[in-house]
């Protein structure tokens, strides 16, 4: 059995790396997971972040986008179409920037905490 030093789940997640070795790529494409780590052969089949990343992104991006629309409309006195365009543009950029690292971080935290499905008996 090979020993792997502990990897910070946050560093592995933000880098999109394997939660066990911290070297191999986690993603195949934008959000799809590879079947296994190309370096340590960790099977990613049980890695499931569910809807968690999307929920976090909705809360973060929604707050920032609405705040920007409010400031653009009522502080800068921008027309409503411009406030909407600025807010929507920022929302799309933030969604694309945050979704992948948050998904990887939740998967790395799942691995680090040995999370599994709930069961009544062992």
N, C-alpha and C. Protein backbone atom coordinates (compact mmCIF):
# COMPACT_ATOMS: atom_id res chain seq x y z
N UNK A 1 0.85 -1.19 0.00
CA UNK A 1 0.00 0.00 0.00
C UNK A 1 0.88 1.24 0.00
N UNK A 2 0.57 2.16 -0.86
CA UNK A 2 1.35 3.39 -0.99
C UNK A 2 0.84 4.43 -0.01
N UNK A 3 1.78 5.13 0.63
CA UNK A 3 1.42 6.19 1.57
C UNK A 3 1.30 7.51 0.81
N UNK A 4 0.22 8.22 1.09
CA UNK A 4 0.01 9.54 0.51
C UNK A 4 -0.06 10.54 1.66
N UNK A 5 0.79 11.57 1.64
CA UNK A 5 0.72 12.56 2.71
C UNK A 5 -0.61 13.30 2.66
N UNK A 6 -1.06 13.79 3.81
CA UNK A 6 -2.34 14.51 3.81
C UNK A 6 -2.29 15.75 2.92
N UNK A 7 -3.34 15.89 2.14
CA UNK A 7 -3.47 17.03 1.23
C UNK A 7 -4.61 17.91 1.75
N UNK A 8 -4.40 19.20 1.72
CA UNK A 8 -5.48 20.11 2.11
C UNK A 8 -6.62 19.98 1.10
N UNK A 9 -7.84 19.70 1.57
CA UNK A 9 -8.94 19.58 0.61
C UNK A 9 -9.22 20.90 -0.11
N UNK A 10 -8.90 22.00 0.54
CA UNK A 10 -9.14 23.30 -0.10
C UNK A 10 -8.12 23.56 -1.21
N UNK A 11 -6.86 23.21 -0.97
CA UNK A 11 -5.83 23.38 -2.00
C UNK A 11 -6.10 22.45 -3.18
N UNK A 12 -6.45 21.21 -2.89
CA UNK A 12 -6.75 20.25 -3.96
C UNK A 12 -8.00 20.69 -4.72
N UNK A 13 -9.01 21.14 -4.01
CA UNK A 13 -10.25 21.56 -4.66
C UNK A 13 -10.08 22.79 -5.52
N UNK A 14 -9.43 23.79 -5.00
CA UNK A 14 -9.26 25.02 -5.77
C UNK A 14 -8.35 24.81 -6.97
N UNK A 15 -7.46 23.83 -6.88
CA UNK A 15 -6.59 23.52 -8.01
C UNK A 15 -7.18 22.51 -8.98
N UNK A 16 -8.32 21.90 -8.60
CA UNK A 16 -8.93 20.88 -9.44
C UNK A 16 -8.10 19.62 -9.51
N UNK A 17 -7.43 19.29 -8.41
CA UNK A 17 -6.53 18.14 -8.37
C UNK A 17 -7.16 16.99 -7.58
N UNK A 18 -6.52 15.84 -7.66
CA UNK A 18 -6.96 14.63 -6.95
C UNK A 18 -6.93 14.88 -5.44
N UNK A 19 -7.98 14.50 -4.72
CA UNK A 19 -7.98 14.74 -3.27
C UNK A 19 -7.04 13.83 -2.49
N UNK A 20 -6.55 12.74 -3.10
CA UNK A 20 -5.65 11.84 -2.37
C UNK A 20 -4.18 12.21 -2.59
N UNK A 21 -3.77 12.37 -3.85
CA UNK A 21 -2.35 12.65 -4.11
C UNK A 21 -2.06 14.13 -4.37
N UNK A 22 -3.08 14.88 -4.77
CA UNK A 22 -2.89 16.31 -5.05
C UNK A 22 -2.18 16.59 -6.36
N UNK A 23 -1.99 15.56 -7.20
CA UNK A 23 -1.25 15.73 -8.45
C UNK A 23 -2.12 15.58 -9.69
N UNK A 24 -2.90 14.52 -9.75
CA UNK A 24 -3.69 14.23 -10.94
C UNK A 24 -4.86 15.16 -11.12
N UNK A 25 -5.25 15.35 -12.37
CA UNK A 25 -6.41 16.19 -12.68
C UNK A 25 -7.70 15.50 -12.26
N UNK A 26 -8.65 16.26 -11.77
CA UNK A 26 -9.93 15.74 -11.32
C UNK A 26 -10.96 15.76 -12.45
N UNK A 27 -10.89 16.76 -13.30
CA UNK A 27 -11.94 16.97 -14.29
C UNK A 27 -11.56 16.48 -15.67
N UNK A 28 -12.58 16.00 -16.38
CA UNK A 28 -12.49 15.67 -17.78
C UNK A 28 -13.50 16.57 -18.48
N UNK A 29 -13.05 17.68 -19.02
CA UNK A 29 -13.96 18.68 -19.55
C UNK A 29 -14.20 19.76 -18.50
N UNK A 30 -15.31 20.48 -18.65
CA UNK A 30 -15.55 21.59 -17.72
C UNK A 30 -16.02 21.11 -16.35
N UNK A 31 -17.04 20.25 -16.29
CA UNK A 31 -17.54 19.78 -15.00
C UNK A 31 -17.56 18.26 -14.86
N UNK A 32 -17.26 17.54 -15.91
CA UNK A 32 -17.26 16.08 -15.85
C UNK A 32 -16.02 15.55 -15.14
N UNK A 33 -16.21 14.51 -14.34
CA UNK A 33 -15.08 13.92 -13.62
C UNK A 33 -14.43 12.83 -14.45
N UNK A 34 -13.12 12.70 -14.29
CA UNK A 34 -12.42 11.58 -14.91
C UNK A 34 -12.83 10.31 -14.18
N UNK A 35 -12.69 9.16 -14.80
CA UNK A 35 -13.04 7.91 -14.10
C UNK A 35 -12.13 7.62 -12.91
N UNK A 36 -10.85 7.99 -13.02
CA UNK A 36 -9.89 7.75 -11.94
C UNK A 36 -8.75 8.74 -12.07
N UNK A 37 -7.99 8.87 -11.00
CA UNK A 37 -6.83 9.77 -11.02
C UNK A 37 -5.75 9.15 -11.90
N UNK A 38 -5.18 9.92 -12.83
CA UNK A 38 -4.13 9.37 -13.68
C UNK A 38 -2.81 9.13 -12.95
N UNK A 39 -2.63 9.68 -11.75
CA UNK A 39 -1.38 9.53 -11.02
C UNK A 39 -1.47 8.40 -9.99
N UNK A 40 -2.49 8.46 -9.10
CA UNK A 40 -2.58 7.47 -8.01
C UNK A 40 -3.69 6.44 -8.21
N UNK A 41 -4.44 6.55 -9.29
CA UNK A 41 -5.52 5.62 -9.64
C UNK A 41 -6.68 5.61 -8.65
N UNK A 42 -6.90 6.71 -7.93
CA UNK A 42 -8.07 6.81 -7.05
C UNK A 42 -9.33 6.81 -7.91
N UNK A 43 -10.26 5.93 -7.58
CA UNK A 43 -11.51 5.81 -8.34
C UNK A 43 -12.43 6.96 -7.96
N UNK A 44 -12.86 7.73 -8.96
CA UNK A 44 -13.76 8.86 -8.72
C UNK A 44 -15.23 8.48 -8.84
N UNK A 45 -15.54 7.20 -8.96
CA UNK A 45 -16.92 6.77 -9.18
C UNK A 45 -17.84 7.16 -8.02
N UNK A 46 -17.33 7.15 -6.80
CA UNK A 46 -18.16 7.49 -5.64
C UNK A 46 -18.16 8.98 -5.32
N UNK A 47 -17.38 9.75 -6.05
CA UNK A 47 -17.31 11.20 -5.82
C UNK A 47 -18.59 11.84 -6.35
N UNK A 48 -19.36 12.40 -5.46
CA UNK A 48 -20.62 13.02 -5.86
C UNK A 48 -20.84 14.28 -5.04
N UNK A 49 -20.75 15.42 -5.70
CA UNK A 49 -20.96 16.68 -4.99
C UNK A 49 -22.43 17.06 -4.96
N UNK A 50 -23.26 16.36 -5.74
CA UNK A 50 -24.70 16.65 -5.75
C UNK A 50 -24.97 18.06 -6.24
N UNK A 51 -25.96 18.69 -5.62
CA UNK A 51 -26.34 20.05 -5.98
C UNK A 51 -25.64 21.10 -5.13
N UNK A 52 -24.75 20.68 -4.26
CA UNK A 52 -24.08 21.60 -3.35
C UNK A 52 -23.38 22.76 -4.03
N UNK A 53 -22.53 22.51 -5.04
CA UNK A 53 -21.85 23.62 -5.68
C UNK A 53 -22.81 24.63 -6.31
N UNK A 54 -23.87 24.13 -6.94
CA UNK A 54 -24.83 25.04 -7.58
C UNK A 54 -25.53 25.92 -6.54
N UNK A 55 -25.84 25.36 -5.39
CA UNK A 55 -26.51 26.13 -4.34
C UNK A 55 -25.58 27.23 -3.83
N UNK A 56 -24.33 26.89 -3.56
CA UNK A 56 -23.38 27.91 -3.09
C UNK A 56 -23.19 28.99 -4.14
N UNK A 57 -23.08 28.61 -5.39
CA UNK A 57 -22.89 29.59 -6.45
C UNK A 57 -24.11 30.49 -6.57
N UNK A 58 -25.31 29.93 -6.47
CA UNK A 58 -26.52 30.74 -6.55
C UNK A 58 -26.55 31.79 -5.44
N UNK A 59 -26.22 31.39 -4.21
CA UNK A 59 -26.23 32.34 -3.10
C UNK A 59 -25.18 33.43 -3.27
N UNK A 60 -23.98 33.05 -3.66
CA UNK A 60 -22.90 34.03 -3.79
C UNK A 60 -23.16 34.97 -4.97
N UNK A 61 -23.41 34.39 -6.13
CA UNK A 61 -23.59 35.19 -7.34
C UNK A 61 -24.87 36.02 -7.26
N UNK A 62 -25.93 35.46 -6.71
CA UNK A 62 -27.17 36.21 -6.58
C UNK A 62 -27.01 37.46 -5.75
N UNK A 63 -26.30 37.33 -4.63
CA UNK A 63 -26.07 38.49 -3.76
C UNK A 63 -25.27 39.57 -4.49
N UNK A 64 -24.20 39.17 -5.13
CA UNK A 64 -23.33 40.14 -5.81
C UNK A 64 -24.04 40.77 -7.01
N UNK A 65 -24.76 39.97 -7.78
CA UNK A 65 -25.44 40.50 -8.98
C UNK A 65 -26.54 41.48 -8.60
N UNK A 66 -27.32 41.16 -7.58
CA UNK A 66 -28.38 42.08 -7.16
C UNK A 66 -27.78 43.36 -6.57
N UNK A 67 -26.69 43.23 -5.81
CA UNK A 67 -26.03 44.41 -5.26
C UNK A 67 -25.50 45.31 -6.37
N UNK A 68 -24.90 44.70 -7.40
CA UNK A 68 -24.40 45.50 -8.52
C UNK A 68 -25.54 46.19 -9.26
N UNK A 69 -26.64 45.48 -9.48
CA UNK A 69 -27.78 46.09 -10.17
C UNK A 69 -28.34 47.26 -9.35
N UNK A 70 -28.42 47.09 -8.04
CA UNK A 70 -28.91 48.16 -7.17
C UNK A 70 -27.99 49.37 -7.23
N UNK A 71 -26.69 49.14 -7.11
CA UNK A 71 -25.73 50.26 -7.15
C UNK A 71 -25.76 50.94 -8.52
N UNK A 72 -25.78 50.15 -9.59
CA UNK A 72 -25.79 50.74 -10.92
C UNK A 72 -27.03 51.58 -11.15
N UNK A 73 -28.16 51.12 -10.66
CA UNK A 73 -29.43 51.83 -10.91
C UNK A 73 -29.61 53.04 -10.00
N UNK A 74 -29.32 52.88 -8.71
CA UNK A 74 -29.68 53.93 -7.75
C UNK A 74 -28.52 54.77 -7.24
N UNK A 75 -27.29 54.36 -7.51
CA UNK A 75 -26.15 55.17 -7.11
C UNK A 75 -25.53 55.83 -8.33
N UNK A 76 -25.34 55.05 -9.39
CA UNK A 76 -24.76 55.60 -10.62
C UNK A 76 -25.83 56.13 -11.57
N UNK A 77 -27.10 55.93 -11.27
CA UNK A 77 -28.24 56.38 -12.08
C UNK A 77 -28.16 55.87 -13.53
N UNK A 78 -27.74 54.62 -13.68
CA UNK A 78 -27.66 54.00 -15.01
C UNK A 78 -29.07 53.63 -15.46
N UNK A 79 -29.31 53.62 -16.76
CA UNK A 79 -30.62 53.14 -17.24
C UNK A 79 -30.82 51.68 -16.82
N UNK A 80 -32.08 51.29 -16.74
CA UNK A 80 -32.38 49.95 -16.24
C UNK A 80 -31.78 48.87 -17.14
N UNK A 81 -31.75 49.08 -18.44
CA UNK A 81 -31.17 48.08 -19.33
C UNK A 81 -29.68 47.91 -19.09
N UNK A 82 -28.99 49.01 -18.76
CA UNK A 82 -27.55 48.94 -18.49
C UNK A 82 -27.29 48.25 -17.15
N UNK A 83 -28.11 48.57 -16.15
CA UNK A 83 -27.96 47.90 -14.84
C UNK A 83 -28.16 46.40 -14.99
N UNK A 84 -29.19 46.02 -15.79
CA UNK A 84 -29.44 44.59 -16.02
C UNK A 84 -28.29 43.95 -16.78
N UNK A 85 -27.78 44.62 -17.81
CA UNK A 85 -26.70 44.06 -18.62
C UNK A 85 -25.42 43.88 -17.78
N UNK A 86 -25.10 44.87 -16.96
CA UNK A 86 -23.92 44.75 -16.09
C UNK A 86 -24.09 43.60 -15.11
N UNK A 87 -25.25 43.53 -14.49
CA UNK A 87 -25.52 42.50 -13.51
C UNK A 87 -25.51 41.10 -14.14
N UNK A 88 -26.15 40.95 -15.27
CA UNK A 88 -26.21 39.66 -15.95
C UNK A 88 -24.82 39.23 -16.44
N UNK A 89 -24.07 40.17 -16.97
CA UNK A 89 -22.71 39.86 -17.43
C UNK A 89 -21.81 39.41 -16.30
N UNK A 90 -21.87 40.12 -15.19
CA UNK A 90 -21.08 39.73 -14.03
C UNK A 90 -21.52 38.38 -13.50
N UNK A 91 -22.83 38.12 -13.50
CA UNK A 91 -23.35 36.84 -13.00
C UNK A 91 -22.82 35.68 -13.85
N UNK A 92 -22.84 35.82 -15.15
CA UNK A 92 -22.35 34.75 -16.02
C UNK A 92 -20.87 34.50 -15.78
N UNK A 93 -20.09 35.55 -15.68
CA UNK A 93 -18.65 35.41 -15.44
C UNK A 93 -18.39 34.74 -14.10
N UNK A 94 -19.10 35.16 -13.06
CA UNK A 94 -18.89 34.58 -11.73
C UNK A 94 -19.33 33.12 -11.68
N UNK A 95 -20.42 32.79 -12.34
CA UNK A 95 -20.89 31.40 -12.35
C UNK A 95 -19.84 30.51 -12.99
N UNK A 96 -19.32 30.91 -14.13
CA UNK A 96 -18.31 30.11 -14.81
C UNK A 96 -17.01 30.03 -14.01
N UNK A 97 -16.69 31.07 -13.27
CA UNK A 97 -15.46 31.08 -12.49
C UNK A 97 -15.58 30.27 -11.19
N UNK A 98 -16.75 30.21 -10.59
CA UNK A 98 -16.90 29.59 -9.28
C UNK A 98 -17.36 28.14 -9.29
N UNK A 99 -18.10 27.73 -10.30
CA UNK A 99 -18.72 26.41 -10.27
C UNK A 99 -17.71 25.27 -10.22
N UNK A 100 -16.71 25.32 -11.04
CA UNK A 100 -15.72 24.24 -11.09
C UNK A 100 -14.90 24.14 -9.79
N UNK A 101 -14.32 25.24 -9.26
CA UNK A 101 -13.56 25.10 -8.02
C UNK A 101 -14.43 24.68 -6.82
N UNK A 102 -15.68 25.14 -6.78
CA UNK A 102 -16.53 24.74 -5.67
C UNK A 102 -16.90 23.26 -5.76
N UNK A 103 -17.13 22.76 -6.95
CA UNK A 103 -17.42 21.33 -7.11
C UNK A 103 -16.21 20.50 -6.68
N UNK A 104 -15.03 20.89 -7.12
CA UNK A 104 -13.81 20.16 -6.76
C UNK A 104 -13.55 20.22 -5.26
N UNK A 105 -13.80 21.36 -4.64
CA UNK A 105 -13.59 21.49 -3.20
C UNK A 105 -14.56 20.62 -2.42
N UNK A 106 -15.81 20.56 -2.83
CA UNK A 106 -16.77 19.70 -2.14
C UNK A 106 -16.42 18.22 -2.30
N UNK A 107 -15.92 17.84 -3.46
CA UNK A 107 -15.48 16.45 -3.65
C UNK A 107 -14.25 16.16 -2.79
N UNK A 108 -13.32 17.09 -2.71
CA UNK A 108 -12.13 16.89 -1.87
C UNK A 108 -12.51 16.83 -0.39
N UNK A 109 -13.47 17.64 0.04
CA UNK A 109 -13.93 17.58 1.43
C UNK A 109 -14.65 16.26 1.71
N UNK A 110 -15.39 15.78 0.74
CA UNK A 110 -16.05 14.48 0.88
C UNK A 110 -15.00 13.38 1.07
N UNK A 111 -13.92 13.42 0.31
CA UNK A 111 -12.86 12.42 0.45
C UNK A 111 -12.15 12.58 1.79
N UNK A 112 -11.82 13.81 2.17
CA UNK A 112 -11.06 14.05 3.40
C UNK A 112 -11.85 13.63 4.64
N UNK A 113 -13.15 13.81 4.62
CA UNK A 113 -14.00 13.46 5.77
C UNK A 113 -14.58 12.07 5.67
N UNK A 114 -14.17 11.31 4.65
CA UNK A 114 -14.65 9.94 4.45
C UNK A 114 -16.18 9.87 4.45
N UNK A 115 -16.80 10.82 3.77
CA UNK A 115 -18.26 10.88 3.70
C UNK A 115 -18.78 9.71 2.88
N UNK A 116 -19.90 9.18 3.33
CA UNK A 116 -20.54 8.06 2.63
C UNK A 116 -22.04 8.18 2.79
N UNK A 117 -22.77 7.32 2.08
CA UNK A 117 -24.20 7.31 2.22
C UNK A 117 -24.59 6.90 3.63
N UNK A 118 -25.71 7.43 4.11
CA UNK A 118 -26.19 7.06 5.42
C UNK A 118 -26.66 5.60 5.43
N UNK A 119 -26.41 4.91 6.52
CA UNK A 119 -26.85 3.52 6.63
C UNK A 119 -27.25 3.26 8.07
N UNK A 120 -28.18 2.35 8.25
CA UNK A 120 -28.66 2.03 9.57
C UNK A 120 -27.78 1.02 10.29
N UNK A 121 -27.15 0.13 9.53
CA UNK A 121 -26.26 -0.88 10.11
C UNK A 121 -24.96 -0.88 9.36
N UNK A 122 -23.94 -1.35 10.00
CA UNK A 122 -22.62 -1.47 9.36
C UNK A 122 -22.48 -2.82 8.72
